[in-house]
Amino acid sequence: MTCGVSASKLPGFAAFRLISLAAFLSVSCIRIPPPPAAALRQLQVASPPRAGVAGDKSPAAGARDPEVLIWLIADPHHTGMVFPYAWLLESGFIPPAGFGHPAYVTLSWGERTAYVQKAWLNPWQVGRAFFTPSPSVMELIPFDGYVVNVCQQQRVWRKLVPRERGPLLAAFLNHVCRSGADGRPIVIGPSSWGAGCLLEGQYTYHLPRICNVWTAQCIEACGGTMYPWFALTADGLIRQAERPRNGFENVWPGRQDQPAAAP
């Protein structure tokens, strides 16, 4: 059944096109394509073993906890994630050259003009961002303070995830960025706040593949169960994140005077 019309009553080619379009919109269009399986296998082999794993004789082995604390942050429309930076590095995340060694990084994804342009988007730019394939960026911002103190404008949730999920997350983060000749992500400019940077995206931003779908896929990489079609809005994503199977706990309600962020 397509738009209330039985496919059997349509010419064969038209029915095939409608079914193909429905399949494309339901699968390909909303999700960022996953990284190649070979890239994930390479990271899993290269990542240090967990604490307590037989054969790990490194001095730091006993210091690595089996779980890692991560954070989900959100304003009324836009979501992002915060991760311990050392965990990303040990899992195989490739940062831009000279990025430093912060305690945490906050990451988000979105339409390039919305991040680069300091002024509000005009109606034409908003329409182009949502309804045409537009260039994307991933924003990477370092910080060392307590997450809630640094992200006071945001609503904040936290969750413990298994350390071994790191390579899957790192593979996804590496995959969504375009790499230069040195194998590192391409920096296109400074971040919208803090001392971070914008990394050139490999995949286009468009409705329904928007910022919150990227966040949903990050949560999936960390072991969560998400349904991207119900994560198009920040609140829709949060409702899923708070369900018992995902287990994100709200630890900060956010300030009420927070501005809207880029799409």
Protein backbone atom coordinates (compact mmCIF):
# COMPACT_ATOMS: atom_id res chain seq x y z
CA MET A 1 0.00 0.00 0.00
CA THR A 2 1.46 3.34 -1.09
CA CYS A 3 -0.31 6.61 -0.24
CA GLY A 4 -3.63 4.76 -0.03
CA VAL A 5 -3.33 3.29 -3.55
CA SER A 6 -2.83 -0.42 -4.04
CA ALA A 7 0.44 -1.10 -5.86
CA SER A 8 -1.31 -3.85 -7.81
CA LYS A 9 -3.48 -1.19 -9.54
CA LEU A 10 -0.48 0.85 -10.70
CA PRO A 11 1.57 0.16 -13.83
CA GLY A 12 4.43 -2.16 -12.93
CA PHE A 13 7.20 0.38 -13.42
CA ALA A 14 5.41 3.08 -11.41
CA ALA A 15 4.74 0.65 -8.57
CA PHE A 16 8.38 -0.38 -8.56
CA ARG A 17 9.50 3.27 -8.41
CA LEU A 18 7.16 4.06 -5.52
CA ILE A 19 8.25 1.00 -3.57
CA SER A 20 11.90 1.80 -4.24
CA LEU A 21 11.39 5.40 -3.13
CA ALA A 22 9.70 4.26 0.08
CA ALA A 23 12.54 1.87 0.80
CA PHE A 24 15.12 4.58 0.12
CA LEU A 25 13.43 7.09 2.42
CA SER A 26 12.98 4.54 5.19
CA VAL A 27 16.56 3.24 5.19
CA SER A 28 19.14 5.12 3.14
CA CYS A 29 17.98 8.69 3.39
CA ILE A 30 17.73 9.05 7.16
CA ARG A 31 20.85 7.24 8.33
CA ILE A 32 24.45 8.17 7.76
CA PRO A 33 25.95 5.10 6.04
CA PRO A 34 27.85 2.86 8.48
CA PRO A 35 31.63 2.53 8.32
CA PRO A 36 33.04 -0.44 6.39
CA ALA A 37 33.30 -3.62 8.44
CA ALA A 38 37.03 -3.79 7.68
CA ALA A 39 37.61 -0.42 9.37
CA LEU A 40 35.87 -1.61 12.52
CA ARG A 41 37.82 -4.87 12.60
CA GLN A 42 41.07 -2.93 12.30
CA LEU A 43 40.17 -0.70 15.25
CA GLN A 44 39.08 -3.64 17.39
CA VAL A 45 42.44 -5.32 16.83
CA ALA A 46 44.41 -2.13 17.49
CA SER A 47 42.52 -1.05 20.64
CA PRO A 48 44.08 -1.90 24.04
CA PRO A 49 42.37 -4.78 25.87
CA ARG A 50 40.07 -4.13 28.80
CA ALA A 51 41.26 -4.21 32.37
CA GLY A 52 41.53 -7.76 33.62
CA VAL A 53 41.82 -9.33 30.18
CA ALA A 54 44.38 -12.13 30.09
CA GLY A 55 47.64 -11.18 28.41
CA ASP A 56 47.39 -7.43 29.06
CA LYS A 57 50.59 -6.63 30.98
CA SER A 58 50.66 -2.87 30.41
CA PRO A 59 50.89 -0.68 33.56
CA ALA A 60 47.67 1.10 32.65
CA ALA A 61 45.68 -2.13 32.28
CA GLY A 62 44.51 -2.14 35.88
CA ALA A 63 43.46 1.52 35.64
CA ARG A 64 41.02 1.07 32.79
CA ASP A 65 37.51 0.60 34.14
CA PRO A 66 35.23 -1.81 32.27
CA GLU A 67 32.66 1.01 31.81
CA VAL A 68 32.96 4.59 30.61
CA LEU A 69 30.71 7.53 31.51
CA ILE A 70 29.30 9.44 28.53
CA TRP A 71 26.90 12.39 28.29
CA LEU A 72 24.05 13.46 26.04
CA ILE A 73 23.47 17.23 25.80
CA ALA A 74 20.55 19.08 24.24
CA ASP A 75 19.00 22.49 23.76
CA PRO A 76 15.36 22.75 22.57
CA HIS A 77 16.21 21.62 19.02
CA HIS A 78 19.79 20.34 18.78
CA THR A 79 21.64 17.48 20.47
CA GLY A 80 25.25 16.43 20.89
CA MET A 81 27.45 14.04 22.85
CA VAL A 82 30.32 14.36 25.33
CA PHE A 83 32.97 11.64 25.62
CA PRO A 84 36.19 11.15 27.61
CA TYR A 85 38.85 12.01 25.06
CA ALA A 86 41.35 9.36 26.20
CA TRP A 87 38.72 6.66 25.60
CA LEU A 88 38.16 7.87 22.04
CA LEU A 89 41.89 7.86 21.36
CA GLU A 90 42.46 4.38 22.77
CA SER A 91 39.51 3.18 20.69
CA GLY A 92 41.01 4.46 17.43
CA PHE A 93 39.48 7.92 16.97
CA ILE A 94 41.64 10.04 14.64
CA PRO A 95 41.76 13.72 15.72
CA PRO A 96 43.03 16.63 13.64
CA ALA A 97 46.74 17.39 13.94
CA GLY A 98 47.77 19.32 17.06
CA PHE A 99 44.39 18.96 18.78
CA GLY A 100 45.86 18.52 22.27
CA HIS A 101 44.88 16.23 25.13
CA PRO A 102 41.74 17.50 26.89
CA ALA A 103 39.80 15.50 29.46
CA TYR A 104 36.60 15.61 27.40
CA VAL A 105 35.33 16.52 23.97
CA THR A 106 31.83 17.50 22.98
CA LEU A 107 30.76 16.54 19.47
CA SER A 108 27.80 17.37 17.30
CA TRP A 109 26.95 17.23 13.61
CA GLY A 110 24.99 19.48 11.31
CA GLU A 111 24.67 21.65 8.23
CA ARG A 112 27.87 23.48 7.33
CA THR A 113 26.52 27.01 6.77
CA ALA A 114 24.60 26.90 10.04
CA TYR A 115 27.84 26.26 11.93
CA VAL A 116 30.15 28.53 9.94
CA GLN A 117 27.92 31.57 9.54
CA LYS A 118 27.75 33.77 12.62
CA ALA A 119 24.45 35.43 11.66
CA TRP A 120 21.06 33.71 11.72
CA LEU A 121 20.19 31.75 8.59
CA ASN A 122 17.78 33.47 6.23
CA PRO A 123 14.65 31.62 5.03
CA TRP A 124 16.36 30.58 1.78
CA GLN A 125 19.31 29.09 3.69
CA VAL A 126 16.99 27.24 6.06
CA GLY A 127 15.05 25.74 3.16
CA ARG A 128 18.23 24.77 1.35
CA ALA A 129 19.66 23.16 4.51
CA PHE A 130 16.62 20.99 5.14
CA PHE A 131 15.33 20.18 1.68
CA THR A 132 18.46 19.83 -0.48
CA PRO A 133 21.60 17.76 0.14
CA SER A 134 23.88 20.24 1.91
CA PRO A 135 27.51 20.00 3.09
CA SER A 136 27.90 18.87 6.69
CA VAL A 137 30.40 19.34 9.50
CA MET A 138 31.22 17.60 12.75
CA GLU A 139 32.06 20.01 15.58
CA LEU A 140 34.79 18.88 17.98
CA ILE A 141 35.32 20.98 21.13
CA PRO A 142 37.83 20.19 23.92
CA PHE A 143 37.39 21.06 27.58
CA ASP A 144 38.65 20.00 30.99
CA GLY A 145 35.94 21.10 33.45
CA TYR A 146 33.00 19.15 34.84
CA VAL A 147 30.53 18.56 32.02
CA VAL A 148 27.54 20.19 33.70
CA ASN A 149 29.56 23.30 34.58
CA VAL A 150 30.82 23.69 31.02
CA CYS A 151 27.46 22.93 29.36
CA GLN A 152 25.17 24.91 31.68
CA GLN A 153 23.06 26.16 28.76
CA GLN A 154 22.26 22.56 27.79
CA ARG A 155 20.12 19.85 29.29
CA VAL A 156 22.49 17.06 30.31
CA TRP A 157 22.08 13.28 30.63
CA ARG A 158 24.68 10.65 31.48
CA LYS A 159 25.12 6.91 31.11
CA LEU A 160 27.75 4.23 31.70
CA VAL A 161 28.64 2.22 28.59
CA PRO A 162 30.94 -0.80 28.15
CA ARG A 163 34.49 0.24 27.34
CA GLU A 164 34.63 -2.24 24.47
CA ARG A 165 32.01 -0.21 22.55
CA GLY A 166 34.74 2.37 21.90
CA PRO A 167 36.02 1.00 18.55
CA LEU A 168 32.51 0.99 17.06
CA LEU A 169 31.98 4.60 18.15
CA ALA A 170 35.44 5.67 16.93
CA ALA A 171 34.87 3.99 13.56
CA PHE A 172 31.60 5.90 13.14
CA LEU A 173 33.13 9.26 14.12
CA ASN A 174 36.09 8.73 11.79
CA HIS A 175 33.77 7.67 9.00
CA VAL A 176 31.52 10.74 9.01
CA CYS A 177 34.50 13.07 8.44
CA ARG A 178 36.41 13.60 5.22
CA SER A 179 40.13 12.87 5.54
CA GLY A 180 43.06 14.71 3.99
CA ALA A 181 46.26 13.32 2.48
CA ASP A 182 47.67 12.82 5.99
CA GLY A 183 44.76 10.54 6.94
CA ARG A 184 43.44 13.04 9.47
CA PRO A 185 40.08 14.86 9.30
CA ILE A 186 40.01 18.11 7.34
CA VAL A 187 39.55 21.23 9.51
CA ILE A 188 37.47 23.95 7.84
CA GLY A 189 37.31 26.48 10.65
CA PRO A 190 36.92 27.19 14.37
CA SER A 191 34.08 25.77 16.45
CA SER A 192 30.99 27.84 17.26
CA TRP A 193 32.24 28.16 20.85
CA GLY A 194 35.25 27.08 22.87
CA ALA A 195 38.67 26.27 21.42
CA GLY A 196 37.54 23.53 19.06
CA CYS A 197 37.20 23.09 15.33
CA LEU A 198 34.81 22.15 12.56
CA LEU A 199 35.64 19.00 10.62
CA GLU A 200 34.48 18.60 7.03
CA GLY A 201 31.68 16.06 6.77
CA GLN A 202 31.73 13.20 4.30
CA TYR A 203 27.94 12.92 4.02
CA THR A 204 25.25 15.45 3.23
CA TYR A 205 22.83 17.01 5.68
CA HIS A 206 19.17 17.09 4.65
CA LEU A 207 15.76 16.26 6.03
CA PRO A 208 15.35 13.66 7.48
CA ARG A 209 19.13 13.11 7.97
CA ILE A 210 19.65 15.87 10.52
CA CYS A 211 21.74 16.47 13.63
CA ASN A 212 19.61 14.36 15.96
CA VAL A 213 19.88 11.32 13.69
CA TRP A 214 23.68 11.59 13.99
CA THR A 215 23.25 11.61 17.79
CA ALA A 216 20.97 8.58 17.61
CA GLN A 217 23.63 6.69 15.65
CA CYS A 218 26.27 7.63 18.24
CA ILE A 219 24.03 6.18 20.94
CA GLU A 220 23.57 3.03 18.86
CA ALA A 221 27.34 2.72 18.52
CA CYS A 222 27.54 2.86 22.32
CA GLY A 223 25.09 -0.04 22.59
CA GLY A 224 21.74 1.76 22.64
CA THR A 225 18.58 0.91 20.72
CA MET A 226 17.29 3.91 18.77
CA TYR A 227 14.68 4.51 16.08
CA PRO A 228 15.89 7.46 13.96
CA TRP A 229 12.44 8.29 12.57
CA PHE A 230 11.36 9.03 16.15
CA ALA A 231 14.54 11.01 16.86
CA LEU A 232 14.10 13.87 14.39
CA THR A 233 13.43 16.29 17.26
CA ALA A 234 15.58 16.72 20.34
CA ASP A 235 12.70 15.72 22.62
CA GLY A 236 11.93 12.66 20.50
CA LEU A 237 15.52 11.51 20.80
CA ILE A 238 15.59 12.22 24.54
CA ARG A 239 12.43 10.18 25.16
CA GLN A 240 14.17 7.19 23.60
CA ALA A 241 17.44 7.83 25.44
CA GLU A 242 15.63 7.86 28.81
CA ARG A 243 13.93 4.50 28.27
CA PRO A 244 15.25 1.66 30.46
CA ARG A 245 16.90 -0.12 27.53
CA ASN A 246 19.08 2.95 26.94
CA GLY A 247 19.34 4.21 30.51
CA PHE A 248 20.35 7.86 30.14
CA GLU A 249 19.80 9.71 33.43
CA ASN A 250 19.04 13.43 33.45
CA VAL A 251 21.54 15.26 35.68
CA TRP A 252 20.94 18.89 34.69
CA PRO A 253 17.73 20.55 33.45
CA GLY A 254 19.51 23.32 31.55
CA ARG A 255 19.10 27.05 31.83
CA GLN A 256 15.80 28.48 30.71
CA ASP A 257 17.37 31.35 28.76
CA GLN A 258 19.31 29.07 26.41
CA PRO A 259 19.30 30.15 22.74
CA ALA A 260 18.44 27.88 19.85
CA ALA A 261 21.45 26.25 18.21
CA ALA A 262 22.35 25.52 14.62
CA PRO A 263 20.41 22.73 12.88
